Amino acid sequence: MGDASITVNNIAPGTTRTPLIERHYASRESQVREAKESGGLVHPLRLAEPEEIAAAALYLCGPHSGHITGSTRHGNGGTFMP
């Protein structure tokens, strides 16, 4: 793949504030509880914003990631750090 300038990466987001998640975790307290239970380490404890996950995708599609391939980007606030 490298010879053809093709890169293959993926994004593994943590719980992200989407309309479905907001319906399930309607209150701020329930969202903080989900962040704690899923192991989120960012402070203040919060769910990821869709724009944060989109920024990772934009980076991987952009000119500055040309040498990155076979990578998983974990957008999860530190829940999982390989």
PDB file of N, CA and C in Angstrom:
ATOM      1  N   MET A   1       0.821  -1.190   0.000  1.00  0.00           N
ATOM      2  CA  MET A   1       0.000   0.000   0.000  1.00  0.00           C
ATOM      3  C   MET A   1       0.863   1.250   0.000  1.00  0.00           C
ATOM      4  N   GLY A   2       1.953   1.218   0.742  1.00  0.00           N
ATOM      5  CA  GLY A   2       2.813   2.385   0.814  1.00  0.00           C
ATOM      6  C   GLY A   2       3.350   2.800  -0.548  1.00  0.00           C
ATOM      7  N   ASP A   3       3.611   1.824  -1.422  1.00  0.00           N
ATOM      8  CA  ASP A   3       4.121   2.134  -2.753  1.00  0.00           C
ATOM      9  C   ASP A   3       3.114   2.919  -3.580  1.00  0.00           C
ATOM     10  N   ALA A   4       1.838   2.754  -3.296  1.00  0.00           N
ATOM     11  CA  ALA A   4       0.782   3.421  -4.054  1.00  0.00           C
ATOM     12  C   ALA A   4       0.267   4.672  -3.358  1.00  0.00           C
ATOM     13  N   SER A   5       0.929   5.095  -2.290  1.00  0.00           N
ATOM     14  CA  SER A   5       0.506   6.266  -1.511  1.00  0.00           C
ATOM     15  C   SER A   5      -0.896   6.112  -0.952  1.00  0.00           C
ATOM     16  N   ILE A   6      -1.247   4.893  -0.606  1.00  0.00           N
ATOM     17  CA  ILE A   6      -2.541   4.630   0.024  1.00  0.00           C
ATOM     18  C   ILE A   6      -2.292   4.417   1.509  1.00  0.00           C
ATOM     19  N   THR A   7      -3.034   5.123   2.330  1.00  0.00           N
ATOM     20  CA  THR A   7      -2.925   4.933   3.769  1.00  0.00           C
ATOM     21  C   THR A   7      -4.240   4.364   4.296  1.00  0.00           C
ATOM     22  N   VAL A   8      -4.131   3.537   5.323  1.00  0.00           N
ATOM     23  CA  VAL A   8      -5.315   2.941   5.941  1.00  0.00           C
ATOM     24  C   VAL A   8      -5.200   3.154   7.442  1.00  0.00           C
ATOM     25  N   ASN A   9      -6.118   3.908   7.993  1.00  0.00           N
ATOM     26  CA  ASN A   9      -6.152   4.222   9.415  1.00  0.00           C
ATOM     27  C   ASN A   9      -7.587   4.112   9.895  1.00  0.00           C
ATOM     28  N   ASN A  10      -7.777   4.140  11.191  1.00  0.00           N
ATOM     29  CA  ASN A  10      -9.141   4.166  11.710  1.00  0.00           C
ATOM     30  C   ASN A  10      -9.200   5.005  12.975  1.00  0.00           C
ATOM     31  N   ILE A  11     -10.410   5.368  13.329  1.00  0.00           N
ATOM     32  CA  ILE A  11     -10.665   6.186  14.512  1.00  0.00           C
ATOM     33  C   ILE A  11     -11.563   5.376  15.442  1.00  0.00           C
ATOM     34  N   ALA A  12     -11.155   5.290  16.712  1.00  0.00           N
ATOM     35  CA  ALA A  12     -11.923   4.560  17.718  1.00  0.00           C
ATOM     36  C   ALA A  12     -12.390   5.567  18.771  1.00  0.00           C
ATOM     37  N   PRO A  13     -13.540   6.191  18.544  1.00  0.00           N
ATOM     38  CA  PRO A  13     -14.005   7.196  19.497  1.00  0.00           C
ATOM     39  C   PRO A  13     -14.596   6.570  20.752  1.00  0.00           C
ATOM     40  N   GLY A  14     -14.516   7.307  21.835  1.00  0.00           N
ATOM     41  CA  GLY A  14     -15.236   6.937  23.042  1.00  0.00           C
ATOM     42  C   GLY A  14     -16.673   7.412  22.906  1.00  0.00           C
ATOM     43  N   THR A  15     -17.400   7.408  24.007  1.00  0.00           N
ATOM     44  CA  THR A  15     -18.779   7.871  23.972  1.00  0.00           C
ATOM     45  C   THR A  15     -18.795   9.328  23.537  1.00  0.00           C
ATOM     46  N   THR A  16     -19.521   9.606  22.478  1.00  0.00           N
ATOM     47  CA  THR A  16     -19.539  10.932  21.861  1.00  0.00           C
ATOM     48  C   THR A  16     -20.942  11.515  21.958  1.00  0.00           C
ATOM     49  N   ARG A  17     -21.010  12.782  22.279  1.00  0.00           N
ATOM     50  CA  ARG A  17     -22.300  13.462  22.426  1.00  0.00           C
ATOM     51  C   ARG A  17     -22.976  13.570  21.051  1.00  0.00           C
ATOM     52  N   THR A  18     -23.896  12.671  20.800  1.00  0.00           N
ATOM     53  CA  THR A  18     -24.693  12.668  19.577  1.00  0.00           C
ATOM     54  C   THR A  18     -26.158  12.761  19.992  1.00  0.00           C
ATOM     55  N   PRO A  19     -27.074  13.011  19.061  1.00  0.00           N
ATOM     56  CA  PRO A  19     -28.486  13.055  19.451  1.00  0.00           C
ATOM     57  C   PRO A  19     -28.955  11.780  20.162  1.00  0.00           C
ATOM     58  N   LEU A  20     -28.497  10.621  19.704  1.00  0.00           N
ATOM     59  CA  LEU A  20     -28.899   9.372  20.360  1.00  0.00           C
ATOM     60  C   LEU A  20     -28.369   9.303  21.791  1.00  0.00           C
ATOM     61  N   ILE A  21     -27.117   9.646  21.990  1.00  0.00           N
ATOM     62  CA  ILE A  21     -26.522   9.631  23.331  1.00  0.00           C
ATOM     63  C   ILE A  21     -27.188  10.670  24.216  1.00  0.00           C
ATOM     64  N   GLU A  22     -27.478  11.833  23.672  1.00  0.00           N
ATOM     65  CA  GLU A  22     -28.127  12.878  24.482  1.00  0.00           C
ATOM     66  C   GLU A  22     -29.518  12.449  24.933  1.00  0.00           C
ATOM     67  N   ARG A  23     -30.214  11.650  24.112  1.00  0.00           N
ATOM     68  CA  ARG A  23     -31.525  11.143  24.547  1.00  0.00           C
ATOM     69  C   ARG A  23     -31.352  10.134  25.677  1.00  0.00           C
ATOM     70  N   HIS A  24     -30.313   9.307  25.571  1.00  0.00           N
ATOM     71  CA  HIS A  24     -30.094   8.269  26.583  1.00  0.00           C
ATOM     72  C   HIS A  24     -29.496   8.847  27.866  1.00  0.00           C
ATOM     73  N   TYR A  25     -28.591   9.804  27.730  1.00  0.00           N
ATOM     74  CA  TYR A  25     -27.948  10.461  28.872  1.00  0.00           C
ATOM     75  C   TYR A  25     -28.350  11.937  28.838  1.00  0.00           C
ATOM     76  N   ALA A  26     -29.589  12.199  29.190  1.00  0.00           N
ATOM     77  CA  ALA A  26     -30.145  13.536  29.015  1.00  0.00           C
ATOM     78  C   ALA A  26     -29.544  14.572  29.948  1.00  0.00           C
ATOM     79  N   SER A  27     -29.246  14.212  31.174  1.00  0.00           N
ATOM     80  CA  SER A  27     -28.747  15.204  32.122  1.00  0.00           C
ATOM     81  C   SER A  27     -27.221  15.246  32.114  1.00  0.00           C
ATOM     82  N   ARG A  28     -26.692  16.363  32.526  1.00  0.00           N
ATOM     83  CA  ARG A  28     -25.237  16.517  32.648  1.00  0.00           C
ATOM     84  C   ARG A  28     -24.681  15.474  33.616  1.00  0.00           C
ATOM     85  N   GLU A  29     -25.407  15.207  34.693  1.00  0.00           N
ATOM     86  CA  GLU A  29     -24.967  14.233  35.685  1.00  0.00           C
ATOM     87  C   GLU A  29     -24.852  12.831  35.074  1.00  0.00           C
ATOM     88  N   SER A  30     -25.823  12.453  34.253  1.00  0.00           N
ATOM     89  CA  SER A  30     -25.764  11.121  33.644  1.00  0.00           C
ATOM     90  C   SER A  30     -24.633  11.041  32.623  1.00  0.00           C
ATOM     91  N   GLN A  31     -24.333  12.156  31.957  1.00  0.00           N
ATOM     92  CA  GLN A  31     -23.213  12.168  31.015  1.00  0.00           C
ATOM     93  C   GLN A  31     -21.878  12.051  31.746  1.00  0.00           C
ATOM     94  N   VAL A  32     -21.751  12.726  32.875  1.00  0.00           N
ATOM     95  CA  VAL A  32     -20.530  12.617  33.686  1.00  0.00           C
ATOM     96  C   VAL A  32     -20.396  11.192  34.216  1.00  0.00           C
ATOM     97  N   ARG A  33     -21.509  10.596  34.652  1.00  0.00           N
ATOM     98  CA  ARG A  33     -21.481   9.222  35.145  1.00  0.00           C
ATOM     99  C   ARG A  33     -21.019   8.271  34.031  1.00  0.00           C
ATOM    100  N   GLU A  34     -21.506   8.467  32.801  1.00  0.00           N
ATOM    101  CA  GLU A  34     -21.075   7.638  31.672  1.00  0.00           C
ATOM    102  C   GLU A  34     -19.586   7.829  31.411  1.00  0.00           C
ATOM    103  N   ALA A  35     -19.109   9.061  31.476  1.00  0.00           N
ATOM    104  CA  ALA A  35     -17.675   9.322  31.281  1.00  0.00           C
ATOM    105  C   ALA A  35     -16.853   8.601  32.343  1.00  0.00           C
ATOM    106  N   LYS A  36     -17.312   8.633  33.589  1.00  0.00           N
ATOM    107  CA  LYS A  36     -16.599   7.932  34.671  1.00  0.00           C
ATOM    108  C   LYS A  36     -16.629   6.429  34.469  1.00  0.00           C
ATOM    109  N   GLU A  37     -17.814   5.900  34.160  1.00  0.00           N
ATOM    110  CA  GLU A  37     -17.967   4.454  34.025  1.00  0.00           C
ATOM    111  C   GLU A  37     -17.219   3.904  32.823  1.00  0.00           C
ATOM    112  N   SER A  38     -17.082   4.724  31.775  1.00  0.00           N
ATOM    113  CA  SER A  38     -16.342   4.258  30.601  1.00  0.00           C
ATOM    114  C   SER A  38     -14.847   4.477  30.772  1.00  0.00           C
ATOM    115  N   GLY A  39     -14.452   5.096  31.882  1.00  0.00           N
ATOM    116  CA  GLY A  39     -13.038   5.243  32.190  1.00  0.00           C
ATOM    117  C   GLY A  39     -12.415   6.528  31.694  1.00  0.00           C
ATOM    118  N   GLY A  40     -13.215   7.511  31.288  1.00  0.00           N
ATOM    119  CA  GLY A  40     -12.671   8.765  30.781  1.00  0.00           C
ATOM    120  C   GLY A  40     -11.751   9.442  31.789  1.00  0.00           C
ATOM    121  N   LEU A  41     -10.618   9.904  31.322  1.00  0.00           N
ATOM    122  CA  LEU A  41      -9.635  10.508  32.207  1.00  0.00           C
ATOM    123  C   LEU A  41      -9.502  12.004  32.015  1.00  0.00           C
ATOM    124  N   VAL A  42     -10.195  12.574  31.033  1.00  0.00           N
ATOM    125  CA  VAL A  42     -10.093  14.012  30.813  1.00  0.00           C
ATOM    126  C   VAL A  42     -10.815  14.733  31.940  1.00  0.00           C
ATOM    127  N   HIS A  43     -10.356  15.885  32.257  1.00  0.00           N
ATOM    128  CA  HIS A  43     -11.006  16.697  33.290  1.00  0.00           C
ATOM    129  C   HIS A  43     -11.289  18.063  32.733  1.00  0.00           C
ATOM    130  N   PRO A  44     -12.473  18.605  32.907  1.00  0.00           N
ATOM    131  CA  PRO A  44     -13.564  17.968  33.635  1.00  0.00           C
ATOM    132  C   PRO A  44     -14.096  16.773  32.852  1.00  0.00           C
ATOM    133  N   LEU A  45     -14.627  15.797  33.572  1.00  0.00           N
ATOM    134  CA  LEU A  45     -15.189  14.609  32.922  1.00  0.00           C
ATOM    135  C   LEU A  45     -16.302  15.036  31.982  1.00  0.00           C
ATOM    136  N   ARG A  46     -16.236  14.554  30.764  1.00  0.00           N
ATOM    137  CA  ARG A  46     -17.249  14.920  29.776  1.00  0.00           C
ATOM    138  C   ARG A  46     -17.212  13.917  28.638  1.00  0.00           C
ATOM    139  N   LEU A  47     -18.265  13.912  27.852  1.00  0.00           N
ATOM    140  CA  LEU A  47     -18.303  13.097  26.650  1.00  0.00           C
ATOM    141  C   LEU A  47     -17.548  13.825  25.547  1.00  0.00           C
ATOM    142  N   ALA A  48     -17.096  13.084  24.555  1.00  0.00           N
ATOM    143  CA  ALA A  48     -16.436  13.704  23.406  1.00  0.00           C
ATOM    144  C   ALA A  48     -17.461  14.493  22.602  1.00  0.00           C
ATOM    145  N   GLU A  49     -17.020  15.553  21.987  1.00  0.00           N
ATOM    146  CA  GLU A  49     -17.869  16.325  21.079  1.00  0.00           C
ATOM    147  C   GLU A  49     -17.666  15.784  19.663  1.00  0.00           C
ATOM    148  N   PRO A  50     -18.723  15.736  18.847  1.00  0.00           N
ATOM    149  CA  PRO A  50     -18.579  15.236  17.480  1.00  0.00           C
ATOM    150  C   PRO A  50     -17.464  15.956  16.710  1.00  0.00           C
ATOM    151  N   GLU A  51     -17.306  17.244  16.957  1.00  0.00           N
ATOM    152  CA  GLU A  51     -16.278  18.019  16.253  1.00  0.00           C
ATOM    153  C   GLU A  51     -14.869  17.522  16.580  1.00  0.00           C
ATOM    154  N   GLU A  52     -14.685  16.983  17.783  1.00  0.00           N
ATOM    155  CA  GLU A  52     -13.377  16.454  18.163  1.00  0.00           C
ATOM    156  C   GLU A  52     -13.052  15.186  17.383  1.00  0.00           C
ATOM    157  N   ILE A  53     -14.047  14.353  17.170  1.00  0.00           N
ATOM    158  CA  ILE A  53     -13.835  13.135  16.388  1.00  0.00           C
ATOM    159  C   ILE A  53     -13.653  13.503  14.920  1.00  0.00           C
ATOM    160  N   ALA A  54     -14.432  14.470  14.445  1.00  0.00           N
ATOM    161  CA  ALA A  54     -14.286  14.933  13.060  1.00  0.00           C
ATOM    162  C   ALA A  54     -12.900  15.517  12.820  1.00  0.00           C
ATOM    163  N   ALA A  55     -12.333  16.198  13.818  1.00  0.00           N
ATOM    164  CA  ALA A  55     -10.996  16.775  13.665  1.00  0.00           C
ATOM    165  C   ALA A  55      -9.958  15.681  13.450  1.00  0.00           C
ATOM    166  N   ALA A  56     -10.108  14.550  14.113  1.00  0.00           N
ATOM    167  CA  ALA A  56      -9.190  13.429  13.905  1.00  0.00           C
ATOM    168  C   ALA A  56      -9.305  12.904  12.474  1.00  0.00           C
ATOM    169  N   ALA A  57     -10.537  12.818  11.978  1.00  0.00           N
ATOM    170  CA  ALA A  57     -10.746  12.361  10.593  1.00  0.00           C
ATOM    171  C   ALA A  57     -10.137  13.348   9.606  1.00  0.00           C
ATOM    172  N   LEU A  58     -10.344  14.631   9.846  1.00  0.00           N
ATOM    173  CA  LEU A  58      -9.775  15.649   8.952  1.00  0.00           C
ATOM    174  C   LEU A  58      -8.257  15.587   8.954  1.00  0.00           C
ATOM    175  N   TYR A  59      -7.668  15.376  10.125  1.00  0.00           N
ATOM    176  CA  TYR A  59      -6.215  15.250  10.200  1.00  0.00           C
ATOM    177  C   TYR A  59      -5.742  14.070   9.353  1.00  0.00           C
ATOM    178  N   LEU A  60      -6.398  12.918   9.496  1.00  0.00           N
ATOM    179  CA  LEU A  60      -5.981  11.734   8.755  1.00  0.00           C
ATOM    180  C   LEU A  60      -6.186  11.890   7.252  1.00  0.00           C
ATOM    181  N   CYS A  61      -7.100  12.764   6.849  1.00  0.00           N
ATOM    182  CA  CYS A  61      -7.341  13.018   5.425  1.00  0.00           C
ATOM    183  C   CYS A  61      -6.444  14.133   4.877  1.00  0.00           C
ATOM    184  N   GLY A  62      -5.772  14.833   5.750  1.00  0.00           N
ATOM    185  CA  GLY A  62      -5.012  16.012   5.345  1.00  0.00           C
ATOM    186  C   GLY A  62      -3.580  15.732   4.960  1.00  0.00           C
ATOM    187  N   PRO A  63      -2.880  16.776   4.548  1.00  0.00           N
ATOM    188  CA  PRO A  63      -1.522  16.646   4.043  1.00  0.00           C
ATOM    189  C   PRO A  63      -0.483  16.320   5.112  1.00  0.00           C
ATOM    190  N   HIS A  64      -0.780  16.545   6.363  1.00  0.00           N
ATOM    191  CA  HIS A  64       0.210  16.333   7.423  1.00  0.00           C
ATOM    192  C   HIS A  64       0.238  14.899   7.950  1.00  0.00           C
ATOM    193  N   SER A  65      -0.610  14.036   7.416  1.00  0.00           N
ATOM    194  CA  SER A  65      -0.652  12.653   7.897  1.00  0.00           C
ATOM    195  C   SER A  65      -0.206  11.662   6.826  1.00  0.00           C
ATOM    196  N   GLY A  66       0.470  12.137   5.813  1.00  0.00           N
ATOM    197  CA  GLY A  66       0.852  11.286   4.692  1.00  0.00           C
ATOM    198  C   GLY A  66       1.721  10.100   5.054  1.00  0.00           C
ATOM    199  N   HIS A  67       2.442  10.179   6.155  1.00  0.00           N
ATOM    200  CA  HIS A  67       3.336   9.085   6.543  1.00  0.00           C
ATOM    201  C   HIS A  67       2.722   8.203   7.631  1.00  0.00           C
ATOM    202  N   ILE A  68       1.452   8.442   7.948  1.00  0.00           N
ATOM    203  CA  ILE A  68       0.764   7.657   8.981  1.00  0.00           C
ATOM    204  C   ILE A  68      -0.114   6.624   8.279  1.00  0.00           C
ATOM    205  N   THR A  69       0.115   5.367   8.569  1.00  0.00           N
ATOM    206  CA  THR A  69      -0.720   4.295   8.034  1.00  0.00           C
ATOM    207  C   THR A  69      -0.724   3.127   9.021  1.00  0.00           C
ATOM    208  N   GLY A  70      -1.807   2.365   8.987  1.00  0.00           N
ATOM    209  CA  GLY A  70      -1.940   1.245   9.915  1.00  0.00           C
ATOM    210  C   GLY A  70      -2.131   1.689  11.343  1.00  0.00           C
ATOM    211  N   SER A  71      -2.746   2.844  11.514  1.00  0.00           N
ATOM    212  CA  SER A  71      -2.857   3.475  12.828  1.00  0.00           C
ATOM    213  C   SER A  71      -4.309   3.535  13.291  1.00  0.00           C
ATOM    214  N   THR A  72      -4.481   3.423  14.600  1.00  0.00           N
ATOM    215  CA  THR A  72      -5.785   3.666  15.220  1.00  0.00           C
ATOM    216  C   THR A  72      -5.654   4.904  16.085  1.00  0.00           C
ATOM    217  N   ARG A  73      -6.499   5.878  15.856  1.00  0.00           N
ATOM    218  CA  ARG A  73      -6.541   7.097  16.665  1.00  0.00           C
ATOM    219  C   ARG A  73      -7.672   6.931  17.670  1.00  0.00           C
ATOM    220  N   HIS A  74      -7.306   6.943  18.942  1.00  0.00           N
ATOM    221  CA  HIS A  74      -8.278   6.761  20.015  1.00  0.00           C
ATOM    222  C   HIS A  74      -8.736   8.128  20.513  1.00  0.00           C
ATOM    223  N   GLY A  75      -9.963   8.521  20.141  1.00  0.00           N
ATOM    224  CA  GLY A  75     -10.533   9.789  20.602  1.00  0.00           C
ATOM    225  C   GLY A  75     -11.466   9.516  21.761  1.00  0.00           C
ATOM    226  N   ASN A  76     -10.879   9.222  22.929  1.00  0.00           N
ATOM    227  CA  ASN A  76     -11.706   8.762  24.034  1.00  0.00           C
ATOM    228  C   ASN A  76     -11.347   9.397  25.373  1.00  0.00           C
ATOM    229  N   GLY A  77     -10.628  10.492  25.341  1.00  0.00           N
ATOM    230  CA  GLY A  77     -10.314  11.190  26.587  1.00  0.00           C
ATOM    231  C   GLY A  77      -9.370  10.446  27.499  1.00  0.00           C
ATOM    232  N   GLY A  78      -8.591   9.524  26.952  1.00  0.00           N
ATOM    233  CA  GLY A  78      -7.639   8.800  27.769  1.00  0.00           C
ATOM    234  C   GLY A  78      -8.150   7.493  28.318  1.00  0.00           C
ATOM    235  N   THR A  79      -9.355   7.076  27.909  1.00  0.00           N
ATOM    236  CA  THR A  79      -9.900   5.804  28.373  1.00  0.00           C
ATOM    237  C   THR A  79      -8.996   4.655  28.004  1.00  0.00           C
ATOM    238  N   PHE A  80      -8.482   4.674  26.791  1.00  0.00           N
ATOM    239  CA  PHE A  80      -7.614   3.617  26.303  1.00  0.00           C
ATOM    240  C   PHE A  80      -6.376   4.264  25.706  1.00  0.00           C
ATOM    241  N   MET A  81      -5.227   3.920  26.233  1.00  0.00           N
ATOM    242  CA  MET A  81      -3.974   4.458  25.715  1.00  0.00           C
ATOM    243  C   MET A  81      -3.003   3.304  25.497  1.00  0.00           C
ATOM    244  N   PRO A  82      -2.875   2.862  24.229  1.00  0.00           N
ATOM    245  CA  PRO A  82      -1.997   1.706  23.958  1.00  0.00           C
ATOM    246  C   PRO A  82      -0.539   2.062  24.170  1.00  0.00           C
TER     247      PRO A  82
END
